[in-house]
Amino acid sequence: MSQQHAHNPPGPRAWLGLLVILGPVPLVSMDGSILFLAIPRISQALRPSADPAP
């Protein structure tokens, strides 16, 4: 009772699905790095404080 399964390489539809799923990842990572670099300047410009508003 030996079963053999044929190994089919992924077709264009599988590659397209992978591209659609992983496509936004570089955009999100670039957004995170830009915010990481910009937060000190934004924080300095806004001068946040813990004091309540009068």
PDB file of N, CA and C in Angstrom:
ATOM      1  N   MET A   1       0.814  -1.183   0.000  1.00  0.00           N
ATOM      2  CA  MET A   1       0.000   0.000   0.000  1.00  0.00           C
ATOM      3  C   MET A   1       0.863   1.254   0.000  1.00  0.00           C
ATOM      4  N   SER A   2       1.588   1.399  -1.018  1.00  0.00           N
ATOM      5  CA  SER A   2       2.446   2.563  -1.165  1.00  0.00           C
ATOM      6  C   SER A   2       1.735   3.606  -2.016  1.00  0.00           C
ATOM      7  N   GLN A   3       1.661   4.804  -1.482  1.00  0.00           N
ATOM      8  CA  GLN A   3       1.042   5.893  -2.228  1.00  0.00           C
ATOM      9  C   GLN A   3       2.126   6.859  -2.673  1.00  0.00           C
ATOM     10  N   GLN A   4       2.086   7.232  -3.914  1.00  0.00           N
ATOM     11  CA  GLN A   4       3.040   8.198  -4.432  1.00  0.00           C
ATOM     12  C   GLN A   4       2.279   9.457  -4.827  1.00  0.00           C
ATOM     13  N   HIS A   5       2.803  10.581  -4.376  1.00  0.00           N
ATOM     14  CA  HIS A   5       2.190  11.867  -4.699  1.00  0.00           C
ATOM     15  C   HIS A   5       3.088  12.592  -5.690  1.00  0.00           C
ATOM     16  N   ALA A   6       2.493  13.082  -6.739  1.00  0.00           N
ATOM     17  CA  ALA A   6       3.253  13.856  -7.723  1.00  0.00           C
ATOM     18  C   ALA A   6       3.505  15.253  -7.161  1.00  0.00           C
ATOM     19  N   HIS A   7       4.713  15.720  -7.323  1.00  0.00           N
ATOM     20  CA  HIS A   7       5.080  17.060  -6.854  1.00  0.00           C
ATOM     21  C   HIS A   7       4.908  18.033  -8.008  1.00  0.00           C
ATOM     22  N   ASN A   8       3.920  18.903  -7.857  1.00  0.00           N
ATOM     23  CA  ASN A   8       3.660  19.895  -8.889  1.00  0.00           C
ATOM     24  C   ASN A   8       4.278  21.224  -8.462  1.00  0.00           C
ATOM     25  N   PRO A   9       5.099  21.825  -9.310  1.00  0.00           N
ATOM     26  CA  PRO A   9       5.667  23.128  -8.955  1.00  0.00           C
ATOM     27  C   PRO A   9       4.571  24.198  -8.934  1.00  0.00           C
ATOM     28  N   PRO A  10       4.755  25.241  -8.127  1.00  0.00           N
ATOM     29  CA  PRO A  10       3.726  26.285  -8.049  1.00  0.00           C
ATOM     30  C   PRO A  10       3.581  26.998  -9.391  1.00  0.00           C
ATOM     31  N   GLY A  11       2.363  27.273  -9.739  1.00  0.00           N
ATOM     32  CA  GLY A  11       2.070  27.940 -11.001  1.00  0.00           C
ATOM     33  C   GLY A  11       2.025  29.450 -10.842  1.00  0.00           C
ATOM     34  N   PRO A  12       1.703  30.155 -11.890  1.00  0.00           N
ATOM     35  CA  PRO A  12       1.655  31.620 -11.837  1.00  0.00           C
ATOM     36  C   PRO A  12       0.614  32.145 -10.845  1.00  0.00           C
ATOM     37  N   ARG A  13      -0.480  31.410 -10.684  1.00  0.00           N
ATOM     38  CA  ARG A  13      -1.510  31.856  -9.743  1.00  0.00           C
ATOM     39  C   ARG A  13      -0.989  31.826  -8.303  1.00  0.00           C
ATOM     40  N   ALA A  14      -0.203  30.822  -7.960  1.00  0.00           N
ATOM     41  CA  ALA A  14       0.368  30.738  -6.613  1.00  0.00           C
ATOM     42  C   ALA A  14       1.350  31.884  -6.371  1.00  0.00           C
ATOM     43  N   TRP A  15       2.166  32.204  -7.378  1.00  0.00           N
ATOM     44  CA  TRP A  15       3.118  33.305  -7.234  1.00  0.00           C
ATOM     45  C   TRP A  15       2.393  34.646  -7.127  1.00  0.00           C
ATOM     46  N   LEU A  16       1.308  34.804  -7.858  1.00  0.00           N
ATOM     47  CA  LEU A  16       0.527  36.027  -7.771  1.00  0.00           C
ATOM     48  C   LEU A  16      -0.103  36.172  -6.382  1.00  0.00           C
ATOM     49  N   GLY A  17      -0.607  35.074  -5.845  1.00  0.00           N
ATOM     50  CA  GLY A  17      -1.169  35.106  -4.498  1.00  0.00           C
ATOM     51  C   GLY A  17      -0.127  35.478  -3.459  1.00  0.00           C
ATOM     52  N   LEU A  18       1.074  34.938  -3.596  1.00  0.00           N
ATOM     53  CA  LEU A  18       2.161  35.278  -2.667  1.00  0.00           C
ATOM     54  C   LEU A  18       2.522  36.746  -2.779  1.00  0.00           C
ATOM     55  N   LEU A  19       2.548  37.261  -3.988  1.00  0.00           N
ATOM     56  CA  LEU A  19       2.858  38.674  -4.199  1.00  0.00           C
ATOM     57  C   LEU A  19       1.789  39.572  -3.586  1.00  0.00           C
ATOM     58  N   VAL A  20       0.532  39.197  -3.718  1.00  0.00           N
ATOM     59  CA  VAL A  20      -0.564  39.994  -3.159  1.00  0.00           C
ATOM     60  C   VAL A  20      -0.499  39.995  -1.637  1.00  0.00           C
ATOM     61  N   ILE A  21      -0.171  38.861  -1.056  1.00  0.00           N
ATOM     62  CA  ILE A  21      -0.126  38.764   0.406  1.00  0.00           C
ATOM     63  C   ILE A  21       1.104  39.475   0.979  1.00  0.00           C
ATOM     64  N   LEU A  22       2.256  39.322   0.337  1.00  0.00           N
ATOM     65  CA  LEU A  22       3.490  39.893   0.873  1.00  0.00           C
ATOM     66  C   LEU A  22       3.814  41.267   0.304  1.00  0.00           C
ATOM     67  N   GLY A  23       3.047  41.753  -0.648  1.00  0.00           N
ATOM     68  CA  GLY A  23       3.309  43.053  -1.251  1.00  0.00           C
ATOM     69  C   GLY A  23       3.307  44.213  -0.278  1.00  0.00           C
ATOM     70  N   PRO A  24       2.353  44.305   0.646  1.00  0.00           N
ATOM     71  CA  PRO A  24       2.316  45.435   1.579  1.00  0.00           C
ATOM     72  C   PRO A  24       3.419  45.419   2.645  1.00  0.00           C
ATOM     73  N   VAL A  25       4.105  44.314   2.828  1.00  0.00           N
ATOM     74  CA  VAL A  25       5.105  44.223   3.896  1.00  0.00           C
ATOM     75  C   VAL A  25       6.208  45.272   3.749  1.00  0.00           C
ATOM     76  N   PRO A  26       6.815  45.468   2.565  1.00  0.00           N
ATOM     77  CA  PRO A  26       7.842  46.519   2.462  1.00  0.00           C
ATOM     78  C   PRO A  26       7.287  47.916   2.717  1.00  0.00           C
ATOM     79  N   LEU A  27       6.038  48.166   2.326  1.00  0.00           N
ATOM     80  CA  LEU A  27       5.454  49.478   2.567  1.00  0.00           C
ATOM     81  C   LEU A  27       5.294  49.753   4.060  1.00  0.00           C
ATOM     82  N   VAL A  28       4.825  48.761   4.791  1.00  0.00           N
ATOM     83  CA  VAL A  28       4.637  48.922   6.239  1.00  0.00           C
ATOM     84  C   VAL A  28       5.986  49.090   6.931  1.00  0.00           C
ATOM     85  N   SER A  29       6.991  48.339   6.524  1.00  0.00           N
ATOM     86  CA  SER A  29       8.303  48.457   7.156  1.00  0.00           C
ATOM     87  C   SER A  29       8.951  49.806   6.844  1.00  0.00           C
ATOM     88  N   MET A  30       8.768  50.313   5.618  1.00  0.00           N
ATOM     89  CA  MET A  30       9.301  51.648   5.303  1.00  0.00           C
ATOM     90  C   MET A  30       8.587  52.717   6.121  1.00  0.00           C
ATOM     91  N   ASP A  31       7.278  52.573   6.283  1.00  0.00           N
ATOM     92  CA  ASP A  31       6.515  53.534   7.075  1.00  0.00           C
ATOM     93  C   ASP A  31       7.008  53.539   8.516  1.00  0.00           C
ATOM     94  N   GLY A  32       7.265  52.359   9.065  1.00  0.00           N
ATOM     95  CA  GLY A  32       7.774  52.270  10.437  1.00  0.00           C
ATOM     96  C   GLY A  32       9.132  52.913  10.585  1.00  0.00           C
ATOM     97  N   SER A  33      10.017  52.711   9.627  1.00  0.00           N
ATOM     98  CA  SER A  33      11.359  53.300   9.735  1.00  0.00           C
ATOM     99  C   SER A  33      11.302  54.815   9.571  1.00  0.00           C
ATOM    100  N   ILE A  34      10.416  55.309   8.690  1.00  0.00           N
ATOM    101  CA  ILE A  34      10.283  56.757   8.524  1.00  0.00           C
ATOM    102  C   ILE A  34       9.757  57.387   9.809  1.00  0.00           C
ATOM    103  N   LEU A  35       8.746  56.758  10.423  1.00  0.00           N
ATOM    104  CA  LEU A  35       8.234  57.285  11.689  1.00  0.00           C
ATOM    105  C   LEU A  35       9.284  57.230  12.786  1.00  0.00           C
ATOM    106  N   PHE A  36      10.070  56.168  12.819  1.00  0.00           N
ATOM    107  CA  PHE A  36      11.124  56.040  13.827  1.00  0.00           C
ATOM    108  C   PHE A  36      12.118  57.190  13.708  1.00  0.00           C
ATOM    109  N   LEU A  37      12.439  57.581  12.491  1.00  0.00           N
ATOM    110  CA  LEU A  37      13.387  58.671  12.294  1.00  0.00           C
ATOM    111  C   LEU A  37      12.739  60.043  12.500  1.00  0.00           C
ATOM    112  N   ALA A  38      11.442  60.165  12.258  1.00  0.00           N
ATOM    113  CA  ALA A  38      10.784  61.465  12.329  1.00  0.00           C
ATOM    114  C   ALA A  38      10.247  61.810  13.712  1.00  0.00           C
ATOM    115  N   ILE A  39      10.011  60.837  14.562  1.00  0.00           N
ATOM    116  CA  ILE A  39       9.388  61.095  15.876  1.00  0.00           C
ATOM    117  C   ILE A  39      10.169  62.107  16.713  1.00  0.00           C
ATOM    118  N   PRO A  40      11.495  62.046  16.808  1.00  0.00           N
ATOM    119  CA  PRO A  40      12.183  63.059  17.625  1.00  0.00           C
ATOM    120  C   PRO A  40      11.939  64.483  17.139  1.00  0.00           C
ATOM    121  N   ARG A  41      11.954  64.700  15.829  1.00  0.00           N
ATOM    122  CA  ARG A  41      11.730  66.043  15.297  1.00  0.00           C
ATOM    123  C   ARG A  41      10.282  66.490  15.500  1.00  0.00           C
ATOM    124  N   ILE A  42       9.348  65.580  15.309  1.00  0.00           N
ATOM    125  CA  ILE A  42       7.937  65.906  15.528  1.00  0.00           C
ATOM    126  C   ILE A  42       7.702  66.224  16.993  1.00  0.00           C
ATOM    127  N   SER A  43       8.296  65.436  17.863  1.00  0.00           N
ATOM    128  CA  SER A  43       8.138  65.645  19.299  1.00  0.00           C
ATOM    129  C   SER A  43       8.745  66.990  19.716  1.00  0.00           C
ATOM    130  N   GLN A  44       9.872  67.324  19.143  1.00  0.00           N
ATOM    131  CA  GLN A  44      10.520  68.603  19.459  1.00  0.00           C
ATOM    132  C   GLN A  44       9.658  69.772  18.971  1.00  0.00           C
ATOM    133  N   ALA A  45       9.048  69.639  17.812  1.00  0.00           N
ATOM    134  CA  ALA A  45       8.222  70.718  17.260  1.00  0.00           C
ATOM    135  C   ALA A  45       6.926  70.897  18.053  1.00  0.00           C
ATOM    136  N   LEU A  46       6.361  69.817  18.564  1.00  0.00           N
ATOM    137  CA  LEU A  46       5.095  69.914  19.291  1.00  0.00           C
ATOM    138  C   LEU A  46       5.280  70.235  20.770  1.00  0.00           C
ATOM    139  N   ARG A  47       6.470  70.001  21.298  1.00  0.00           N
ATOM    140  CA  ARG A  47       6.795  70.215  22.716  1.00  0.00           C
ATOM    141  C   ARG A  47       5.725  69.623  23.640  1.00  0.00           C
ATOM    142  N   PRO A  48       5.546  68.286  23.604  1.00  0.00           N
ATOM    143  CA  PRO A  48       4.527  67.676  24.468  1.00  0.00           C
ATOM    144  C   PRO A  48       4.918  67.783  25.940  1.00  0.00           C
ATOM    145  N   SER A  49       3.918  67.881  26.792  1.00  0.00           N
ATOM    146  CA  SER A  49       4.173  67.937  28.236  1.00  0.00           C
ATOM    147  C   SER A  49       3.088  67.129  28.953  1.00  0.00           C
ATOM    148  N   ALA A  50       3.343  66.823  30.202  1.00  0.00           N
ATOM    149  CA  ALA A  50       2.391  66.073  31.008  1.00  0.00           C
ATOM    150  C   ALA A  50       1.455  66.985  31.793  1.00  0.00           C
ATOM    151  N   ASP A  51       1.676  68.300  31.706  1.00  0.00           N
ATOM    152  CA  ASP A  51       0.828  69.255  32.426  1.00  0.00           C
ATOM    153  C   ASP A  51      -0.545  69.330  31.767  1.00  0.00           C
ATOM    154  N   PRO A  52      -1.619  69.367  32.583  1.00  0.00           N
ATOM    155  CA  PRO A  52      -2.960  69.503  31.989  1.00  0.00           C
ATOM    156  C   PRO A  52      -3.144  70.916  31.422  1.00  0.00           C
ATOM    157  N   ALA A  53      -3.974  71.022  30.433  1.00  0.00           N
ATOM    158  CA  ALA A  53      -4.262  72.324  29.814  1.00  0.00           C
ATOM    159  C   ALA A  53      -5.023  73.194  30.798  1.00  0.00           C
ATOM    160  N   PRO A  54      -4.724  74.511  30.825  1.00  0.00           N
ATOM    161  CA  PRO A  54      -5.433  75.394  31.791  1.00  0.00           C
ATOM    162  C   PRO A  54      -6.871  75.644  31.425  1.00  0.00           C
TER     163      PRO A  54
END
